[in-house]
Protein backbone atom coordinates (compact mmCIF):
# COMPACT_ATOMS: atom_id res chain seq x y z
CA MET A 1 3.32 -35.20 14.73
CA SER A 2 6.63 -36.80 15.79
CA THR A 3 9.39 -35.18 17.82
CA ASP A 4 11.23 -34.10 14.66
CA GLY A 5 8.12 -32.41 13.34
CA SER A 6 7.30 -35.20 10.90
CA PHE A 7 3.69 -35.62 9.78
CA VAL A 8 1.60 -36.59 6.81
CA ILE A 9 -1.39 -34.62 5.57
CA ALA A 10 -3.75 -35.81 2.85
CA GLY A 11 -6.19 -34.05 0.56
CA GLN A 12 -6.68 -32.83 -2.99
CA VAL A 13 -3.19 -31.47 -3.60
CA VAL A 14 -2.80 -28.56 -6.02
CA ASP A 15 0.45 -28.62 -7.98
CA VAL A 16 0.78 -25.11 -9.44
CA ILE A 17 3.90 -26.06 -11.40
CA ALA A 18 2.38 -29.08 -13.17
CA GLY A 19 -1.04 -27.46 -13.29
CA THR A 20 -2.78 -30.47 -11.76
CA THR A 21 -4.90 -31.37 -8.75
CA GLN A 22 -5.06 -34.95 -7.47
CA PRO A 23 -5.64 -36.85 -4.22
CA SER A 24 -2.27 -37.12 -2.51
CA GLU A 25 -0.41 -37.39 0.76
CA VAL A 26 2.15 -34.73 1.65
CA SER A 27 4.95 -35.92 3.94
CA VAL A 28 6.74 -33.25 5.99
CA ARG A 29 9.87 -33.58 8.10
CA GLU A 30 11.86 -30.82 9.85
CA GLY A 31 9.82 -28.11 8.20
CA ARG A 32 10.26 -29.28 4.60
CA VAL A 33 8.24 -31.35 2.16
CA VAL A 34 9.81 -34.80 1.87
CA ALA A 35 7.42 -36.34 -0.63
CA VAL A 36 4.06 -35.90 -2.35
CA ARG A 37 2.48 -39.30 -3.12
CA PRO A 38 -0.71 -39.83 -5.13
CA VAL A 39 -3.33 -41.96 -3.32
CA ARG A 40 -6.61 -43.49 -4.39
CA HIS A 41 -8.71 -41.66 -1.84
CA ALA A 42 -8.10 -38.50 0.18
CA PRO A 43 -10.25 -36.15 2.27
CA ASN A 44 -12.39 -33.62 0.41
CA ARG A 45 -10.16 -30.67 1.29
CA TRP A 46 -7.72 -28.82 -0.94
CA ILE A 47 -4.05 -28.44 -0.05
CA MET A 48 -2.25 -25.75 -2.03
CA PRO A 49 0.73 -23.40 -1.75
CA GLY A 50 0.17 -20.41 0.52
CA PHE A 51 -0.59 -17.00 -0.94
CA ILE A 52 1.98 -14.26 -1.56
CA ASP A 53 1.13 -10.56 -1.61
CA ALA A 54 3.45 -9.46 -4.41
CA HIS A 55 3.52 -5.79 -3.43
CA VAL A 56 2.35 -4.41 -0.10
CA HIS A 57 3.34 -1.57 2.21
CA ILE A 58 2.89 -3.09 5.66
CA GLU A 59 2.76 0.37 7.22
CA SER A 60 -0.43 1.20 5.31
CA SER A 61 -2.29 -1.37 7.38
CA MET A 62 -1.44 0.82 10.39
CA LEU A 63 -0.11 -2.37 11.98
CA THR A 64 3.39 -3.53 12.82
CA PRO A 65 4.62 -6.51 10.76
CA VAL A 66 3.77 -8.96 13.55
CA GLU A 67 0.21 -7.67 13.80
CA PHE A 68 -0.13 -7.62 10.02
CA ALA A 69 0.95 -11.28 10.02
CA ARG A 70 -1.57 -12.12 12.74
CA MET A 71 -4.33 -10.60 10.59
CA ALA A 72 -3.22 -12.01 7.22
CA ALA A 73 -2.11 -15.56 8.06
CA PRO A 74 -5.63 -16.87 8.82
CA PHE A 75 -6.53 -15.98 5.21
CA GLY A 76 -3.74 -18.11 3.76
CA THR A 77 -0.99 -15.52 3.36
CA VAL A 78 2.42 -17.06 3.97
CA ALA A 79 4.66 -14.38 2.47
CA THR A 80 4.84 -10.78 1.27
CA VAL A 81 7.01 -8.71 -1.03
CA SER A 82 7.16 -5.45 0.92
CA ASP A 83 8.51 -1.98 0.23
CA PRO A 84 9.24 -0.21 3.56
CA HIS A 85 9.35 3.23 1.95
CA GLU A 86 6.59 4.62 4.17
CA ILE A 87 8.68 4.32 7.32
CA ALA A 88 11.88 4.98 5.35
CA ASN A 89 10.54 8.40 4.33
CA VAL A 90 9.96 9.17 8.01
CA LEU A 91 12.98 7.62 9.70
CA GLY A 92 15.38 6.38 7.03
CA LEU A 93 17.55 3.32 7.79
CA PRO A 94 16.45 2.99 11.45
CA GLY A 95 12.87 2.67 10.20
CA ILE A 96 13.79 -0.12 7.77
CA ASP A 97 15.73 -1.92 10.52
CA PHE A 98 12.68 -1.66 12.78
CA MET A 99 10.50 -3.35 10.14
CA LEU A 100 13.01 -6.15 9.62
CA ALA A 101 13.43 -6.78 13.36
CA ASN A 102 9.72 -6.77 14.07
CA ALA A 103 8.94 -8.98 11.06
CA ALA A 104 11.48 -11.54 12.31
CA MET A 105 9.30 -12.07 15.39
CA SER A 106 6.52 -13.62 13.30
CA PRO A 107 6.52 -16.84 11.23
CA LEU A 108 5.19 -15.10 8.11
CA LYS A 109 7.88 -14.68 5.45
CA PHE A 110 8.32 -10.95 4.86
CA HIS A 111 10.65 -10.00 1.99
CA PHE A 112 11.67 -6.36 2.17
CA GLY A 113 13.25 -4.27 -0.56
CA ALA A 114 15.57 -1.27 -0.63
CA SER A 115 13.38 1.82 -0.96
CA SER A 116 14.42 3.62 -4.14
CA CYS A 117 12.58 6.91 -3.66
CA VAL A 118 13.25 8.52 -0.31
CA PRO A 119 11.98 11.16 -0.75
CA ALA A 120 9.52 10.16 -3.46
CA SER A 121 9.98 13.41 -5.40
CA PRO A 122 11.59 16.85 -5.10
CA PHE A 123 8.16 18.40 -4.54
CA GLU A 124 7.82 17.40 -0.87
CA THR A 125 9.72 17.33 2.42
CA SER A 126 10.48 13.93 3.93
CA GLY A 127 12.09 12.99 7.21
CA ALA A 128 15.03 11.18 5.62
CA THR A 129 16.99 10.69 2.42
CA LEU A 130 18.43 7.46 0.99
CA ASP A 131 21.07 8.30 -1.61
CA VAL A 132 22.74 5.94 -4.07
CA ALA A 133 25.36 4.82 -1.55
CA ALA A 134 22.73 4.04 1.10
CA VAL A 135 20.59 2.08 -1.36
CA ARG A 136 23.63 0.18 -2.67
CA ASN A 137 24.57 -0.80 0.89
CA LEU A 138 21.03 -1.94 1.58
CA LEU A 139 20.96 -4.06 -1.56
CA ARG A 140 24.14 -5.84 -0.47
CA ARG A 141 22.33 -7.17 2.58
CA PRO A 142 20.93 -10.72 2.33
CA ASP A 143 17.73 -9.63 4.07
CA ILE A 144 17.00 -7.05 1.33
CA HIS A 145 15.64 -8.84 -1.73
CA PHE A 146 14.96 -6.26 -4.45
CA LEU A 147 14.95 -2.56 -5.38
CA SER A 148 11.56 -1.20 -4.40
CA GLU A 149 9.25 0.64 -6.77
CA VAL A 150 11.02 3.28 -8.82
CA MET A 151 8.42 6.02 -8.58
CA ASN A 152 10.55 8.75 -10.08
CA TRP A 153 9.78 7.79 -13.68
CA PRO A 154 10.63 11.30 -14.96
CA GLY A 155 14.10 10.79 -13.46
CA VAL A 156 14.48 7.45 -15.24
CA ILE A 157 13.47 8.94 -18.58
CA ALA A 158 15.75 11.94 -18.10
CA GLY A 159 18.67 9.70 -17.13
CA ASP A 160 18.99 11.20 -13.64
CA ALA A 161 22.29 9.92 -12.23
CA ALA A 162 20.94 9.12 -8.77
CA VAL A 163 17.92 7.19 -10.03
CA ILE A 164 19.93 5.27 -12.63
CA GLY A 165 22.64 4.57 -10.07
CA LYS A 166 20.17 2.80 -7.78
CA ILE A 167 18.79 0.71 -10.63
CA GLU A 168 22.28 -0.28 -11.77
CA ALA A 169 23.24 -1.23 -8.22
CA ALA A 170 20.34 -3.69 -8.06
CA ARG A 171 21.02 -5.14 -11.49
CA ALA A 172 24.70 -5.64 -10.67
CA LEU A 173 23.67 -7.76 -7.69
CA GLY A 174 21.07 -9.70 -9.69
CA LYS A 175 18.18 -8.32 -7.65
CA PRO A 176 14.84 -7.44 -9.30
CA VAL A 177 13.79 -3.83 -9.83
CA ASP A 178 10.16 -2.92 -9.17
CA GLY A 179 8.39 -0.22 -11.13
CA HIS A 180 5.71 2.41 -10.60
CA ALA A 181 4.46 3.82 -13.88
CA PRO A 182 0.82 4.99 -13.72
CA GLY A 183 -0.45 5.78 -17.20
CA LEU A 184 3.03 5.74 -18.74
CA ARG A 185 2.84 4.83 -22.45
CA GLY A 186 4.69 4.98 -25.74
CA SER A 187 8.31 6.01 -26.09
CA GLU A 188 8.61 7.13 -22.46
CA LEU A 189 7.43 3.73 -21.27
CA ALA A 190 9.96 2.04 -23.56
CA VAL A 191 12.80 4.07 -22.03
CA TYR A 192 11.55 3.21 -18.53
CA VAL A 193 11.50 -0.51 -19.27
CA ARG A 194 14.90 -0.50 -21.00
CA ALA A 195 16.40 0.94 -17.82
CA GLY A 196 15.85 -2.49 -16.27
CA ILE A 197 12.52 -2.05 -14.48
CA ALA A 198 10.66 -5.36 -14.45
CA THR A 199 7.23 -4.85 -12.86
CA ASP A 200 4.37 -2.40 -12.51
CA HIS A 201 1.48 -2.35 -10.06
CA GLU A 202 0.04 1.06 -11.02
CA THR A 203 -1.64 0.02 -14.29
CA PHE A 204 -5.32 0.94 -14.45
CA GLU A 205 -6.28 0.47 -18.12
CA LEU A 206 -6.36 -2.75 -20.12
CA ASP A 207 -4.53 -1.45 -23.20
CA GLU A 208 -1.90 0.11 -20.95
CA GLY A 209 -1.34 -3.30 -19.36
CA ARG A 210 -1.01 -5.05 -22.70
CA GLU A 211 1.53 -2.47 -23.84
CA LYS A 212 3.64 -2.96 -20.71
CA ILE A 213 3.57 -6.74 -21.01
CA ALA A 214 4.53 -6.51 -24.69
CA LEU A 215 7.62 -4.56 -23.63
CA GLY A 216 8.60 -7.33 -21.21
CA MET A 217 7.15 -6.12 -17.90
CA LYS A 218 5.27 -8.27 -15.43
CA LEU A 219 2.08 -6.77 -14.01
CA ILE A 220 1.03 -6.94 -10.39
CA LEU A 221 -2.76 -6.65 -10.36
CA ARG A 222 -3.94 -4.57 -7.41
CA GLN A 223 -7.02 -4.63 -5.23
CA GLY A 224 -6.51 -2.79 -1.96
CA SER A 225 -8.26 -0.20 0.16
CA GLY A 226 -7.30 2.83 -1.91
CA ALA A 227 -6.80 1.56 -5.47
CA ARG A 228 -8.94 -1.20 -6.95
CA ASN A 229 -7.87 -2.19 -10.44
CA LEU A 230 -8.32 -5.96 -10.45
CA ASP A 231 -11.66 -6.18 -12.27
CA ALA A 232 -10.53 -3.90 -15.10
CA LEU A 233 -7.34 -5.90 -15.63
CA LEU A 234 -8.64 -9.48 -15.24
CA PRO A 235 -8.38 -10.19 -19.00
CA LEU A 236 -4.60 -9.77 -18.65
CA LEU A 237 -4.48 -12.59 -16.11
CA ASP A 238 -6.38 -14.79 -18.55
CA GLU A 239 -4.24 -13.78 -21.58
CA PHE A 240 -0.83 -13.67 -19.86
CA PRO A 241 -1.07 -15.99 -16.84
CA ASN A 242 2.71 -16.31 -16.46
CA ARG A 243 3.26 -12.55 -16.36
CA CYS A 244 0.75 -11.54 -13.67
CA MET A 245 0.84 -11.45 -9.89
CA LEU A 246 -1.61 -10.23 -7.25
CA CYS A 247 -1.21 -7.54 -4.60
CA THR A 248 -3.04 -5.25 -2.21
CA ASP A 249 -0.39 -2.47 -2.17
CA ASP A 250 -2.13 -0.47 0.58
CA ILE A 251 -4.72 -2.21 2.74
CA HIS A 252 -6.35 -0.71 5.82
CA PRO A 253 -7.08 -2.82 8.93
CA ASP A 254 -10.86 -2.97 8.48
CA LEU A 255 -10.46 -4.65 5.08
CA LEU A 256 -7.61 -6.86 6.28
CA GLU A 257 -9.83 -8.09 9.09
CA SER A 258 -12.07 -9.85 6.56
CA GLY A 259 -9.58 -11.11 3.98
CA HIS A 260 -6.34 -10.61 2.10
CA ILE A 261 -5.00 -12.23 -1.11
CA ASP A 262 -7.67 -14.94 -0.74
CA ARG A 263 -10.24 -12.24 -1.50
CA LEU A 264 -8.48 -11.37 -4.77
CA VAL A 265 -8.23 -15.05 -5.71
CA ARG A 266 -11.96 -15.61 -5.23
CA ARG A 267 -12.77 -12.40 -7.10
CA ALA A 268 -10.63 -13.40 -10.09
CA ILE A 269 -12.16 -16.88 -10.22
CA ARG A 270 -15.68 -15.42 -10.07
CA GLY A 271 -14.58 -13.09 -12.88
CA GLY A 272 -14.08 -16.09 -15.15
CA VAL A 273 -10.32 -16.77 -14.92
CA SER A 274 -9.45 -20.44 -14.44
CA HIS A 275 -8.53 -21.63 -10.97
CA MET A 276 -5.01 -22.66 -11.94
CA LYS A 277 -4.17 -19.36 -13.64
CA VAL A 278 -5.32 -17.44 -10.58
CA LEU A 279 -3.51 -19.70 -8.11
CA ARG A 280 -0.28 -19.41 -10.07
CA ALA A 281 -0.53 -15.61 -9.96
CA ALA A 282 -1.00 -15.79 -6.19
CA THR A 283 1.82 -18.27 -5.54
CA LEU A 284 4.17 -19.48 -8.27
CA ASN A 285 4.72 -16.27 -10.25
CA PRO A 286 5.92 -14.06 -7.36
CA ALA A 287 7.99 -16.89 -5.88
CA LEU A 288 9.85 -17.33 -9.17
CA HIS A 289 10.17 -13.65 -10.07
CA TYR A 290 11.61 -12.58 -6.72
CA GLY A 291 13.45 -15.85 -6.00
CA LEU A 292 11.63 -16.36 -2.71
CA ASP A 293 12.27 -19.25 -0.35
CA VAL A 294 8.56 -19.96 -0.21
CA GLY A 295 7.37 -23.52 -0.71
CA LEU A 296 5.26 -24.63 -3.68
CA LEU A 297 4.47 -28.14 -2.39
CA GLN A 298 7.40 -29.73 -4.21
CA PRO A 299 9.77 -32.24 -2.56
CA GLY A 300 12.55 -30.32 -0.82
CA ASP A 301 10.48 -27.13 -0.49
CA SER A 302 9.75 -25.38 2.77
CA ALA A 303 6.42 -26.74 3.99
CA ASP A 304 4.43 -23.56 3.37
CA PHE A 305 0.88 -24.43 2.40
CA ILE A 306 -2.76 -23.89 3.16
CA VAL A 307 -5.73 -26.18 3.63
CA THR A 308 -8.95 -24.88 2.12
CA THR A 309 -12.49 -25.80 1.24
CA ASN A 310 -13.28 -26.49 -2.43
CA PRO A 311 -11.71 -24.08 -4.97
CA ASN A 312 -14.99 -22.36 -5.74
CA ASP A 313 -15.55 -21.35 -2.13
CA LEU A 314 -11.85 -21.26 -1.20
CA ARG A 315 -12.19 -20.59 2.52
CA VAL A 316 -8.90 -21.11 4.33
CA LEU A 317 -9.07 -23.67 7.14
CA GLU A 318 -5.38 -23.87 8.10
CA THR A 319 -2.16 -22.04 7.25
CA TRP A 320 1.21 -23.77 7.63
CA ILE A 321 4.65 -22.13 7.38
CA ALA A 322 7.87 -24.18 7.57
CA GLY A 323 5.88 -27.19 8.76
CA VAL A 324 4.17 -25.36 11.64
CA LYS A 325 0.47 -24.59 11.74
CA VAL A 326 0.44 -20.81 12.28
CA ALA A 327 -3.27 -20.07 11.83
CA ASN A 328 -6.67 -21.67 11.51
CA ALA A 329 -10.15 -20.38 10.76
CA SER A 330 -10.34 -18.93 14.28
CA GLY A 331 -7.25 -16.77 13.94
CA ALA A 332 -3.49 -16.66 14.30
CA LEU A 333 -1.75 -19.23 16.51
CA PHE A 334 1.24 -17.02 17.34
CA PRO A 335 1.31 -14.12 19.82
CA SER A 336 1.56 -10.35 19.61
CA VAL A 337 4.87 -8.83 20.68
CA GLN A 338 5.73 -5.73 22.63
CA MET A 339 8.00 -3.12 21.10
CA LYS A 340 9.29 0.35 21.83
CA PRO A 341 7.79 2.82 19.35
CA LEU A 342 10.09 5.12 17.39
CA ASN A 343 8.98 8.35 15.75
CA ALA A 344 9.84 11.70 14.19
CA PHE A 345 7.43 14.52 14.97
CA ARG A 346 8.76 18.02 15.44
CA THR A 347 6.04 20.42 14.31
CA GLN A 348 3.96 22.85 16.37
CA ALA A 349 0.22 23.34 16.76
CA VAL A 350 -1.51 25.36 14.03
CA SER A 351 -3.92 28.28 14.43
CA LEU A 352 -6.86 29.59 12.45
CA ALA A 353 -4.61 32.27 10.95
CA ASP A 354 -2.16 29.60 9.74
CA ILE A 355 -4.70 27.97 7.44
CA ALA A 356 -6.34 31.11 6.04
CA LEU A 357 -5.73 31.72 2.33
CA ALA A 358 -6.35 35.16 0.86
CA GLY A 359 -8.31 35.30 -2.39
CA HIS A 360 -9.18 37.79 -5.12
CA HIS A 361 -12.24 36.70 -7.09
CA GLY A 362 -12.37 33.21 -5.59
CA ARG A 363 -11.65 31.09 -8.69
CA VAL A 364 -9.32 28.20 -7.79
CA HIS A 365 -7.84 24.97 -9.07
CA VAL A 366 -9.55 21.97 -7.47
CA ILE A 367 -8.25 18.43 -6.91
CA ASP A 368 -10.98 15.94 -7.87
CA VAL A 369 -10.97 12.67 -5.91
CA VAL A 370 -11.74 9.50 -7.88
CA ASP A 371 -13.17 6.84 -5.57
CA GLY A 372 -11.20 3.60 -5.65
CA GLN A 373 -8.22 5.17 -7.43
CA VAL A 374 -5.05 6.96 -6.34
CA PHE A 375 -4.93 9.28 -9.36
CA THR A 376 -7.01 12.45 -9.25
CA GLY A 377 -8.84 14.63 -11.71
CA ARG A 378 -8.66 18.40 -11.83
CA SER A 379 -11.20 21.15 -12.26
CA THR A 380 -11.88 24.75 -11.25
CA HIS A 381 -14.42 26.32 -8.94
CA THR A 382 -15.37 29.80 -7.75
CA LEU A 383 -15.31 29.88 -3.96
CA PRO A 384 -17.04 32.31 -1.62
CA LEU A 385 -14.88 34.79 0.29
CA THR A 386 -15.03 35.45 4.01
CA SER A 387 -15.57 38.98 5.29
CA GLY A 388 -11.81 39.16 5.73
CA GLY A 389 -11.15 38.29 2.09
CA ALA A 390 -10.06 34.68 2.61
CA LEU A 391 -11.11 31.79 0.36
CA ALA A 392 -13.81 29.73 2.07
CA PRO A 393 -14.79 26.08 1.51
CA ASP A 394 -18.02 25.45 -0.38
CA PRO A 395 -19.41 22.17 1.00
CA ASP A 396 -22.77 22.78 -0.72
CA ASP A 397 -20.91 22.20 -4.00
CA ASP A 398 -18.69 19.51 -2.46
CA VAL A 399 -15.55 21.67 -2.50
CA ILE A 400 -13.72 21.72 0.83
CA LYS A 401 -10.35 22.90 2.09
CA LEU A 402 -7.25 20.68 1.96
CA VAL A 403 -4.27 21.37 4.23
CA VAL A 404 -0.80 19.79 4.48
CA VAL A 405 1.40 20.56 7.50
CA ASN A 406 5.11 19.68 7.56
CA ARG A 407 5.61 17.35 10.51
CA TYR A 408 9.40 17.50 10.55
CA ARG A 409 9.86 21.20 11.21
CA PRO A 410 7.70 24.28 11.84
CA GLN A 411 6.57 25.65 8.47
CA ARG A 412 3.52 27.49 7.17
CA PRO A 413 0.86 24.96 6.04
CA ALA A 414 0.13 24.44 2.35
CA ILE A 415 -3.49 24.96 1.35
CA ALA A 416 -5.65 23.90 -1.61
CA PHE A 417 -9.19 22.70 -2.30
CA VAL A 418 -10.63 19.27 -3.07
CA ARG A 419 -13.85 17.93 -4.51
CA GLY A 420 -15.37 14.48 -4.05
CA PHE A 421 -15.31 13.77 -0.32
CA GLY A 422 -18.96 14.66 0.09
CA LEU A 423 -18.44 16.03 3.61
CA ARG A 424 -21.19 18.40 4.69
CA GLU A 425 -19.49 19.33 7.97
CA GLY A 426 -16.49 18.46 10.11
CA ALA A 427 -12.88 17.65 9.25
CA LEU A 428 -10.53 14.66 8.83
CA ALA A 429 -6.79 14.67 9.51
CA SER A 430 -4.01 12.10 9.24
CA SER A 431 -0.27 11.69 9.65
CA VAL A 432 -0.45 9.01 6.95
CA ALA A 433 0.14 11.09 3.81
CA HIS A 434 2.04 9.30 1.08
CA ASP A 435 4.92 9.29 0.76
CA SER A 436 6.61 11.79 3.06
CA HIS A 437 3.89 11.43 5.67
CA ASN A 438 3.38 15.00 6.65
CA ILE A 439 -0.01 15.82 8.19
CA ILE A 440 -2.87 16.06 5.70
CA ALA A 441 -6.40 17.24 6.50
CA CYS A 442 -9.61 18.19 4.72
CA GLY A 443 -12.61 19.94 6.16
CA CYS A 444 -15.68 22.10 5.74
CA ASN A 445 -14.62 24.83 8.18
CA ASP A 446 -11.39 26.11 9.66
CA SER A 447 -12.20 25.54 13.31
CA ASP A 448 -12.77 21.80 12.84
CA LEU A 449 -9.70 21.60 10.60
CA VAL A 450 -7.49 23.17 13.26
CA GLU A 451 -8.88 20.84 15.92
CA ALA A 452 -8.33 17.70 13.82
CA ILE A 453 -4.80 18.73 12.79
CA ASN A 454 -3.79 19.61 16.33
CA ALA A 455 -5.15 16.32 17.65
CA VAL A 456 -2.74 14.51 15.31
CA ILE A 457 0.12 16.76 16.41
CA ARG A 458 -0.74 16.31 20.10
CA HIS A 459 -0.51 12.53 19.82
CA LYS A 460 2.53 12.68 17.51
CA GLY A 461 0.71 10.75 14.84
CA GLY A 462 -2.68 9.32 14.09
CA LEU A 463 -6.00 9.72 12.34
CA ALA A 464 -8.44 12.29 13.71
CA PHE A 465 -12.03 13.44 13.22
CA ALA A 466 -13.52 16.70 14.47
CA GLN A 467 -17.04 18.06 14.15
CA GLY A 468 -17.84 20.66 16.76
CA SER A 469 -17.73 18.85 20.11
CA ARG A 470 -17.52 15.41 18.46
CA ARG A 471 -13.90 14.18 18.40
CA ALA A 472 -12.17 10.87 17.73
CA VAL A 473 -8.52 9.85 17.32
CA LEU A 474 -6.75 6.65 16.30
CA LYS A 475 -3.25 7.00 17.76
CA LEU A 476 -0.30 5.86 15.61
CA PRO A 477 2.78 6.16 17.84
CA VAL A 478 5.07 4.06 15.62
CA ALA A 479 6.49 6.61 13.13
CA GLY A 480 3.07 8.25 12.98
CA LEU A 481 2.13 5.35 10.70
CA MET A 482 1.42 2.30 12.84
CA SER A 483 -0.32 1.44 16.08
CA ASP A 484 1.32 -0.50 18.90
CA ARG A 485 -1.95 -2.34 19.61
CA PRO A 486 -3.47 -5.62 18.33
CA GLY A 487 -4.91 -5.54 14.84
CA GLN A 488 -8.53 -6.11 15.83
CA ALA A 489 -8.47 -3.11 18.17
CA VAL A 490 -7.00 -0.90 15.43
CA ALA A 491 -9.59 -2.15 12.94
CA LYS A 492 -12.39 -1.30 15.39
CA ASP A 493 -11.17 2.27 15.91
CA TYR A 494 -10.60 2.73 12.18
CA ARG A 495 -14.15 1.59 11.40
CA GLU A 496 -15.46 4.13 13.89
CA LEU A 497 -13.54 6.95 12.20
CA THR A 498 -14.89 5.85 8.83
CA ARG A 499 -18.42 5.74 10.28
CA LEU A 500 -18.04 9.31 11.52
CA ALA A 501 -16.80 10.48 8.11
CA VAL A 502 -19.68 8.75 6.35
CA GLY A 503 -22.07 10.22 8.91
CA THR A 504 -21.07 13.73 7.85
CA GLY A 505 -21.78 12.95 4.20
CA SER A 506 -18.73 11.22 2.72
CA SER A 507 -19.65 8.79 -0.04
CA LEU A 508 -16.08 7.49 -0.49
CA SER A 509 -15.45 3.81 0.16
CA ALA A 510 -12.33 4.64 2.22
CA PRO A 511 -12.22 8.40 3.01
CA TYR A 512 -9.03 8.29 5.11
CA MET A 513 -7.23 6.24 2.48
CA ALA A 514 -8.35 8.68 -0.23
CA LEU A 515 -7.08 11.56 1.92
CA SER A 516 -3.68 9.92 2.41
CA PHE A 517 -2.99 9.81 -1.35
CA LEU A 518 -3.75 13.46 -2.03
CA ALA A 519 -0.14 14.32 -1.16
CA LEU A 520 1.44 11.68 -3.43
CA THR A 521 3.25 13.81 -6.00
CA VAL A 522 4.27 10.90 -8.24
CA ILE A 523 0.67 10.12 -9.25
CA PRO A 524 -1.40 12.19 -11.73
CA ARG A 525 -2.86 14.81 -11.82
CA LEU A 526 -3.02 17.43 -9.03
CA LYS A 527 -1.60 16.80 -5.55
CA LEU A 528 -0.85 18.95 -2.50
CA SER A 529 2.47 18.55 -0.69
CA ASP A 530 3.80 20.50 2.28
CA LEU A 531 5.46 22.80 -0.28
CA GLY A 532 2.37 23.61 -2.35
CA LEU A 533 0.00 22.51 -5.11
CA VAL A 534 1.72 20.27 -7.68
CA ASP A 535 0.73 19.62 -11.27
CA THR A 536 2.31 16.17 -11.41
CA GLU A 537 2.01 15.86 -15.20
CA ALA A 538 3.83 19.15 -15.79
CA GLN A 539 6.15 18.40 -12.86
CA ALA A 540 5.68 21.92 -11.52
CA PHE A 541 4.11 23.85 -8.68
CA ILE A 542 1.05 25.90 -9.58
CA SER A 543 -0.89 28.56 -7.73
CA VAL A 544 -4.15 27.57 -6.07
CA ALA A 545 -5.90 30.78 -7.11
CA ILE A 546 -6.43 31.06 -10.85
CA ASP A 547 -6.70 34.86 -10.75
CA ASP A 548 -3.25 35.02 -9.16
CA PRO A 549 -0.74 36.41 -11.71
CA ALA A 550 1.60 33.55 -10.81
CA ALA A 551 -1.00 30.90 -11.69
CA GLN A 552 -0.34 28.51 -14.55
């Protein structure tokens, strides 16, 4: 490499625009592609544009942007399209500024949006609010690239002035509007799309996806830690290759340690979709839709590319961003950075009395967890009563207690019951509870629940496990969402917490991720916020106890 950063690299060059692969030399100078010249012979390695995660919440990795980049870059990720609404719901504008500043300390190209739903719904308490004026001001910034997922689809359909105002602000500035429409169909979907919403990443059924594409939407096919919809939707990538992108949405550090978008690419190819269709979804389509300054191996582009083994194996050997090698198969080639954590945690420790719920005959509504999905089912169950007349968990029938504690101010905890964790004993707790990020916990007995919840409160954020004298905590001092440690260390601690949960009976693939989505009141069907049990389809609170006269 010369002093001006000039170099030539040769291999089987993948042109995702032309749809061809041929032996070529790529000439790079001052961080940009100068020329791509066909040659007769080139090394048996593939050079292709780097991967783009088209929708990811960096905070869900429990890593800062720099540490996320250090984990993702070795797998060929060169850019993300990121909604910072997790930290925005906790800290508002200072949280978004933190993400932008930290991301700027890594070579990976993060593209953040203006969070449209802070709070996500009126059924929960968040730590901040972004109104129309705040969102409009964010969208005017050159470092804010789009309006993030509009989760309040009932507000769009009803013509809510605040929701529509945010959408119109983005459209006036020519910035894309991301959607969030799980299961939305028919006339309501048509209204949602006509409002100017261009994408959806919450689709989980094939016919639903076809309907959305027919109305003009682009689909972002998701395979993360909590929701895994890629396999069910692969035919859409084959049928509509120009209207699909790939994303992880929410990915925990243990999964990120072994792969990122490269994993989705290999999975789609093994599922029968042609290499070029898959690679376009992982590179070209998001770059064009969001107008990203991410290179596609064309003359004049930023020199953002990856070197891989053959397309069937597709193991990333090198990742280059702006003409600099930033990662190889051994890991990232750029350092961690130190930062001062910021947070918002103002609640008090809970007691056994705080999480007791009086019952009558014990019949209750139950949230049913669906493994690998963020939506839930709903059912009923008759619980035993304690000697004091309180509703007790029934782990023998896989029904345990669910608790949400407001982290922003002292408030009586909300209580419900959940089926599907498989826990036989112990309790799990977390300050990652989408989207307002209050404390959420589930457990088989009240004493372990109190211990796990109070461990999170004591550390002002984290994931906790309690089972008698067995305790473990993963501290998350950055907004109660992210660690200030290297990614590998966080992944190790997270795996240990998962091991403990599995050891007490959980059959879920990601029990802490499943727990975190049980407070998300913009996803069907039953959810528990800090304010109570929510029927998200009816958009109303309901009583936990069915024999309660106020129950619906």
